[in-house]
Amino acid sequence: MAVGEPSDEENGSPKPRLPFKHIFHKDQYDANQHQQRKELEAYDQVVSEYYKERTNGVRTENW
């Protein structure tokens, strides 16, 4: 258990999470690989922007 309160600072924002549908698969994977690739590329862009903002442009990698 963690006890505390969230930071009010701009750099205290939580890292964007990978959407649940890309993590949890019950009995089978999603067959639409083109759509999955598109959504993961969009997530890559979101994470890259998150790192740029959080580190003032020092860290630019993606997921």
PDB file of N, CA and C in Angstrom:
ATOM      1  N   MET A   1       0.846  -1.154   0.000  1.00  0.00           N
ATOM      2  CA  MET A   1       0.000   0.000   0.000  1.00  0.00           C
ATOM      3  C   MET A   1       0.901   1.228   0.000  1.00  0.00           C
ATOM      4  N   ALA A   2       0.509   2.220  -0.772  1.00  0.00           N
ATOM      5  CA  ALA A   2       1.219   3.488  -0.812  1.00  0.00           C
ATOM      6  C   ALA A   2       0.347   4.545  -0.143  1.00  0.00           C
ATOM      7  N   VAL A   3       0.980   5.362   0.665  1.00  0.00           N
ATOM      8  CA  VAL A   3       0.255   6.419   1.352  1.00  0.00           C
ATOM      9  C   VAL A   3       0.884   7.736   0.945  1.00  0.00           C
ATOM     10  N   GLY A   4       0.070   8.678   0.600  1.00  0.00           N
ATOM     11  CA  GLY A   4       0.576   9.979   0.203  1.00  0.00           C
ATOM     12  C   GLY A   4      -0.484  10.710  -0.593  1.00  0.00           C
ATOM     13  N   GLU A   5      -0.064  11.768  -1.234  1.00  0.00           N
ATOM     14  CA  GLU A   5      -0.984  12.523  -2.063  1.00  0.00           C
ATOM     15  C   GLU A   5      -0.302  12.842  -3.380  1.00  0.00           C
ATOM     16  N   PRO A   6      -1.062  12.999  -4.441  1.00  0.00           N
ATOM     17  CA  PRO A   6      -0.470  13.276  -5.743  1.00  0.00           C
ATOM     18  C   PRO A   6       0.206  14.639  -5.769  1.00  0.00           C
ATOM     19  N   SER A   7       1.230  14.735  -6.565  1.00  0.00           N
ATOM     20  CA  SER A   7       1.956  15.984  -6.724  1.00  0.00           C
ATOM     21  C   SER A   7       1.123  16.972  -7.530  1.00  0.00           C
ATOM     22  N   ASP A   8       1.201  18.234  -7.168  1.00  0.00           N
ATOM     23  CA  ASP A   8       0.519  19.274  -7.929  1.00  0.00           C
ATOM     24  C   ASP A   8       1.406  19.815  -9.037  1.00  0.00           C
ATOM     25  N   GLU A   9       2.663  19.395  -9.053  1.00  0.00           N
ATOM     26  CA  GLU A   9       3.600  19.883 -10.052  1.00  0.00           C
ATOM     27  C   GLU A   9       3.248  19.335 -11.428  1.00  0.00           C
ATOM     28  N   GLU A  10       3.640  20.069 -12.454  1.00  0.00           N
ATOM     29  CA  GLU A  10       3.393  19.636 -13.827  1.00  0.00           C
ATOM     30  C   GLU A  10       4.103  18.319 -14.120  1.00  0.00           C
ATOM     31  N   ASN A  11       5.296  18.138 -13.577  1.00  0.00           N
ATOM     32  CA  ASN A  11       6.059  16.914 -13.820  1.00  0.00           C
ATOM     33  C   ASN A  11       5.550  15.735 -13.005  1.00  0.00           C
ATOM     34  N   GLY A  12       4.544  15.938 -12.203  1.00  0.00           N
ATOM     35  CA  GLY A  12       4.024  14.858 -11.386  1.00  0.00           C
ATOM     36  C   GLY A  12       2.895  14.083 -12.053  1.00  0.00           C
ATOM     37  N   SER A  13       2.673  14.320 -13.327  1.00  0.00           N
ATOM     38  CA  SER A  13       1.564  13.636 -13.999  1.00  0.00           C
ATOM     39  C   SER A  13       1.876  12.154 -14.191  1.00  0.00           C
ATOM     40  N   PRO A  14       0.855  11.317 -14.104  1.00  0.00           N
ATOM     41  CA  PRO A  14       1.087   9.872 -14.258  1.00  0.00           C
ATOM     42  C   PRO A  14       1.396   9.503 -15.704  1.00  0.00           C
ATOM     43  N   LYS A  15       2.201   8.474 -15.879  1.00  0.00           N
ATOM     44  CA  LYS A  15       2.543   7.992 -17.219  1.00  0.00           C
ATOM     45  C   LYS A  15       1.295   7.381 -17.854  1.00  0.00           C
ATOM     46  N   PRO A  16       1.051   7.690 -19.123  1.00  0.00           N
ATOM     47  CA  PRO A  16      -0.100   7.089 -19.802  1.00  0.00           C
ATOM     48  C   PRO A  16       0.025   5.565 -19.832  1.00  0.00           C
ATOM     49  N   ARG A  17      -1.081   4.899 -19.615  1.00  0.00           N
ATOM     50  CA  ARG A  17      -1.073   3.432 -19.601  1.00  0.00           C
ATOM     51  C   ARG A  17      -1.463   2.873 -20.962  1.00  0.00           C
ATOM     52  N   LEU A  18      -0.911   1.705 -21.235  1.00  0.00           N
ATOM     53  CA  LEU A  18      -1.312   0.973 -22.427  1.00  0.00           C
ATOM     54  C   LEU A  18      -2.773   0.576 -22.250  1.00  0.00           C
ATOM     55  N   PRO A  19      -3.613   0.797 -23.254  1.00  0.00           N
ATOM     56  CA  PRO A  19      -5.031   0.451 -23.116  1.00  0.00           C
ATOM     57  C   PRO A  19      -5.239  -1.007 -22.709  1.00  0.00           C
ATOM     58  N   PHE A  20      -6.226  -1.223 -21.875  1.00  0.00           N
ATOM     59  CA  PHE A  20      -6.501  -2.543 -21.308  1.00  0.00           C
ATOM     60  C   PHE A  20      -6.702  -3.607 -22.380  1.00  0.00           C
ATOM     61  N   LYS A  21      -7.343  -3.239 -23.482  1.00  0.00           N
ATOM     62  CA  LYS A  21      -7.609  -4.237 -24.521  1.00  0.00           C
ATOM     63  C   LYS A  21      -6.340  -4.752 -25.187  1.00  0.00           C
ATOM     64  N   HIS A  22      -5.205  -4.056 -24.987  1.00  0.00           N
ATOM     65  CA  HIS A  22      -3.930  -4.535 -25.528  1.00  0.00           C
ATOM     66  C   HIS A  22      -3.158  -5.362 -24.503  1.00  0.00           C
ATOM     67  N   ILE A  23      -3.657  -5.420 -23.303  1.00  0.00           N
ATOM     68  CA  ILE A  23      -2.988  -6.172 -22.240  1.00  0.00           C
ATOM     69  C   ILE A  23      -3.715  -7.476 -21.949  1.00  0.00           C
ATOM     70  N   PHE A  24      -5.016  -7.412 -21.897  1.00  0.00           N
ATOM     71  CA  PHE A  24      -5.819  -8.563 -21.490  1.00  0.00           C
ATOM     72  C   PHE A  24      -6.492  -9.211 -22.696  1.00  0.00           C
ATOM     73  N   HIS A  25      -6.221 -10.491 -22.892  1.00  0.00           N
ATOM     74  CA  HIS A  25      -6.845 -11.260 -23.972  1.00  0.00           C
ATOM     75  C   HIS A  25      -7.403 -12.535 -23.358  1.00  0.00           C
ATOM     76  N   LYS A  26      -8.682 -12.785 -23.554  1.00  0.00           N
ATOM     77  CA  LYS A  26      -9.301 -13.990 -23.004  1.00  0.00           C
ATOM     78  C   LYS A  26      -9.542 -14.999 -24.124  1.00  0.00           C
ATOM     79  N   ASP A  27      -8.844 -16.099 -24.047  1.00  0.00           N
ATOM     80  CA  ASP A  27      -8.981 -17.233 -24.961  1.00  0.00           C
ATOM     81  C   ASP A  27      -8.469 -16.989 -26.378  1.00  0.00           C
ATOM     82  N   GLN A  28      -8.290 -15.745 -26.784  1.00  0.00           N
ATOM     83  CA  GLN A  28      -7.761 -15.479 -28.127  1.00  0.00           C
ATOM     84  C   GLN A  28      -7.268 -14.039 -28.219  1.00  0.00           C
ATOM     85  N   TYR A  29      -6.398 -13.801 -29.205  1.00  0.00           N
ATOM     86  CA  TYR A  29      -5.931 -12.448 -29.489  1.00  0.00           C
ATOM     87  C   TYR A  29      -6.872 -11.792 -30.489  1.00  0.00           C
ATOM     88  N   ASP A  30      -6.839 -10.479 -30.532  1.00  0.00           N
ATOM     89  CA  ASP A  30      -7.623  -9.754 -31.525  1.00  0.00           C
ATOM     90  C   ASP A  30      -7.033 -10.040 -32.910  1.00  0.00           C
ATOM     91  N   ALA A  31      -7.861 -10.432 -33.843  1.00  0.00           N
ATOM     92  CA  ALA A  31      -7.388 -10.820 -35.171  1.00  0.00           C
ATOM     93  C   ALA A  31      -7.078  -9.621 -36.064  1.00  0.00           C
ATOM     94  N   ASN A  32      -7.536  -8.442 -35.705  1.00  0.00           N
ATOM     95  CA  ASN A  32      -7.326  -7.264 -36.539  1.00  0.00           C
ATOM     96  C   ASN A  32      -5.970  -6.632 -36.224  1.00  0.00           C
ATOM     97  N   GLN A  33      -4.918  -7.180 -36.802  1.00  0.00           N
ATOM     98  CA  GLN A  33      -3.563  -6.715 -36.513  1.00  0.00           C
ATOM     99  C   GLN A  33      -3.320  -5.305 -37.018  1.00  0.00           C
ATOM    100  N   HIS A  34      -3.940  -4.937 -38.138  1.00  0.00           N
ATOM    101  CA  HIS A  34      -3.766  -3.585 -38.677  1.00  0.00           C
ATOM    102  C   HIS A  34      -4.276  -2.539 -37.680  1.00  0.00           C
ATOM    103  N   GLN A  35      -5.444  -2.780 -37.111  1.00  0.00           N
ATOM    104  CA  GLN A  35      -6.014  -1.854 -36.131  1.00  0.00           C
ATOM    105  C   GLN A  35      -5.162  -1.806 -34.867  1.00  0.00           C
ATOM    106  N   GLN A  36      -4.693  -2.957 -34.414  1.00  0.00           N
ATOM    107  CA  GLN A  36      -3.830  -2.998 -33.230  1.00  0.00           C
ATOM    108  C   GLN A  36      -2.562  -2.191 -33.459  1.00  0.00           C
ATOM    109  N   ARG A  37      -1.943  -2.362 -34.625  1.00  0.00           N
ATOM    110  CA  ARG A  37      -0.715  -1.628 -34.942  1.00  0.00           C
ATOM    111  C   ARG A  37      -0.970  -0.122 -34.926  1.00  0.00           C
ATOM    112  N   LYS A  38      -2.097   0.300 -35.509  1.00  0.00           N
ATOM    113  CA  LYS A  38      -2.446   1.714 -35.530  1.00  0.00           C
ATOM    114  C   LYS A  38      -2.602   2.275 -34.116  1.00  0.00           C
ATOM    115  N   GLU A  39      -3.290   1.529 -33.272  1.00  0.00           N
ATOM    116  CA  GLU A  39      -3.518   1.979 -31.898  1.00  0.00           C
ATOM    117  C   GLU A  39      -2.221   1.999 -31.093  1.00  0.00           C
ATOM    118  N   LEU A  40      -1.349   1.027 -31.307  1.00  0.00           N
ATOM    119  CA  LEU A  40      -0.070   1.006 -30.590  1.00  0.00           C
ATOM    120  C   LEU A  40       0.853   2.121 -31.066  1.00  0.00           C
ATOM    121  N   GLU A  41       0.808   2.455 -32.346  1.00  0.00           N
ATOM    122  CA  GLU A  41       1.590   3.586 -32.847  1.00  0.00           C
ATOM    123  C   GLU A  41       1.097   4.892 -32.229  1.00  0.00           C
ATOM    124  N   ALA A  42      -0.212   5.024 -32.063  1.00  0.00           N
ATOM    125  CA  ALA A  42      -0.769   6.213 -31.407  1.00  0.00           C
ATOM    126  C   ALA A  42      -0.320   6.272 -29.949  1.00  0.00           C
ATOM    127  N   TYR A  43      -0.305   5.122 -29.278  1.00  0.00           N
ATOM    128  CA  TYR A  43       0.161   5.067 -27.889  1.00  0.00           C
ATOM    129  C   TYR A  43       1.642   5.443 -27.815  1.00  0.00           C
ATOM    130  N   ASP A  44       2.446   4.969 -28.768  1.00  0.00           N
ATOM    131  CA  ASP A  44       3.858   5.341 -28.827  1.00  0.00           C
ATOM    132  C   ASP A  44       4.016   6.858 -28.875  1.00  0.00           C
ATOM    133  N   GLN A  45       3.195   7.514 -29.686  1.00  0.00           N
ATOM    134  CA  GLN A  45       3.269   8.966 -29.816  1.00  0.00           C
ATOM    135  C   GLN A  45       2.897   9.656 -28.503  1.00  0.00           C
ATOM    136  N   VAL A  46       1.872   9.158 -27.836  1.00  0.00           N
ATOM    137  CA  VAL A  46       1.449   9.728 -26.551  1.00  0.00           C
ATOM    138  C   VAL A  46       2.569   9.599 -25.516  1.00  0.00           C
ATOM    139  N   VAL A  47       3.199   8.433 -25.446  1.00  0.00           N
ATOM    140  CA  VAL A  47       4.276   8.207 -24.475  1.00  0.00           C
ATOM    141  C   VAL A  47       5.488   9.068 -24.813  1.00  0.00           C
ATOM    142  N   SER A  48       5.799   9.201 -26.099  1.00  0.00           N
ATOM    143  CA  SER A  48       6.916  10.046 -26.509  1.00  0.00           C
ATOM    144  C   SER A  48       6.689  11.500 -26.083  1.00  0.00           C
ATOM    145  N   GLU A  49       5.481  12.009 -26.308  1.00  0.00           N
ATOM    146  CA  GLU A  49       5.145  13.375 -25.879  1.00  0.00           C
ATOM    147  C   GLU A  49       5.213  13.510 -24.360  1.00  0.00           C
ATOM    148  N   TYR A  50       4.766  12.499 -23.658  1.00  0.00           N
ATOM    149  CA  TYR A  50       4.825  12.500 -22.192  1.00  0.00           C
ATOM    150  C   TYR A  50       6.274  12.651 -21.717  1.00  0.00           C
ATOM    151  N   TYR A  51       7.180  11.855 -22.292  1.00  0.00           N
ATOM    152  CA  TYR A  51       8.589  11.937 -21.892  1.00  0.00           C
ATOM    153  C   TYR A  51       9.196  13.292 -22.249  1.00  0.00           C
ATOM    154  N   LYS A  52       8.861  13.825 -23.425  1.00  0.00           N
ATOM    155  CA  LYS A  52       9.386  15.137 -23.825  1.00  0.00           C
ATOM    156  C   LYS A  52       8.963  16.214 -22.834  1.00  0.00           C
ATOM    157  N   GLU A  53       7.679  16.215 -22.485  1.00  0.00           N
ATOM    158  CA  GLU A  53       7.167  17.227 -21.558  1.00  0.00           C
ATOM    159  C   GLU A  53       7.749  17.058 -20.161  1.00  0.00           C
ATOM    160  N   ARG A  54       7.867  15.831 -19.720  1.00  0.00           N
ATOM    161  CA  ARG A  54       8.329  15.562 -18.362  1.00  0.00           C
ATOM    162  C   ARG A  54       9.809  15.893 -18.173  1.00  0.00           C
ATOM    163  N   THR A  55      10.615  15.726 -19.249  1.00  0.00           N
ATOM    164  CA  THR A  55      12.066  15.930 -19.133  1.00  0.00           C
ATOM    165  C   THR A  55      12.552  17.161 -19.883  1.00  0.00           C
ATOM    166  N   ASN A  56      11.634  18.025 -20.289  1.00  0.00           N
ATOM    167  CA  ASN A  56      11.979  19.226 -21.054  1.00  0.00           C
ATOM    168  C   ASN A  56      12.760  18.894 -22.318  1.00  0.00           C
ATOM    169  N   GLY A  57      12.354  17.831 -23.013  1.00  0.00           N
ATOM    170  CA  GLY A  57      12.947  17.459 -24.287  1.00  0.00           C
ATOM    171  C   GLY A  57      14.187  16.596 -24.220  1.00  0.00           C
ATOM    172  N   VAL A  58      14.659  16.262 -23.007  1.00  0.00           N
ATOM    173  CA  VAL A  58      15.868  15.449 -22.869  1.00  0.00           C
ATOM    174  C   VAL A  58      15.596  14.005 -23.272  1.00  0.00           C
ATOM    175  N   ARG A  59      14.488  13.469 -22.863  1.00  0.00           N
ATOM    176  CA  ARG A  59      14.147  12.068 -23.147  1.00  0.00           C
ATOM    177  C   ARG A  59      13.037  12.051 -24.199  1.00  0.00           C
ATOM    178  N   THR A  60      13.326  11.442 -25.351  1.00  0.00           N
ATOM    179  CA  THR A  60      12.355  11.460 -26.443  1.00  0.00           C
ATOM    180  C   THR A  60      11.942  10.070 -26.900  1.00  0.00           C
ATOM    181  N   GLU A  61      12.358   9.040 -26.187  1.00  0.00           N
ATOM    182  CA  GLU A  61      12.004   7.686 -26.631  1.00  0.00           C
ATOM    183  C   GLU A  61      10.520   7.417 -26.459  1.00  0.00           C
ATOM    184  N   ASN A  62      10.080   6.338 -27.049  1.00  0.00           N
ATOM    185  CA  ASN A  62       8.682   5.944 -26.910  1.00  0.00           C
ATOM    186  C   ASN A  62       8.603   4.618 -26.177  1.00  0.00           C
ATOM    187  N   TRP A  63       7.419   4.039 -26.200  1.00  0.00           N
ATOM    188  CA  TRP A  63       7.207   2.804 -25.476  1.00  0.00           C
ATOM    189  C   TRP A  63       7.985   1.713 -26.135  1.00  0.00           C
TER     190      TRP A  63
END
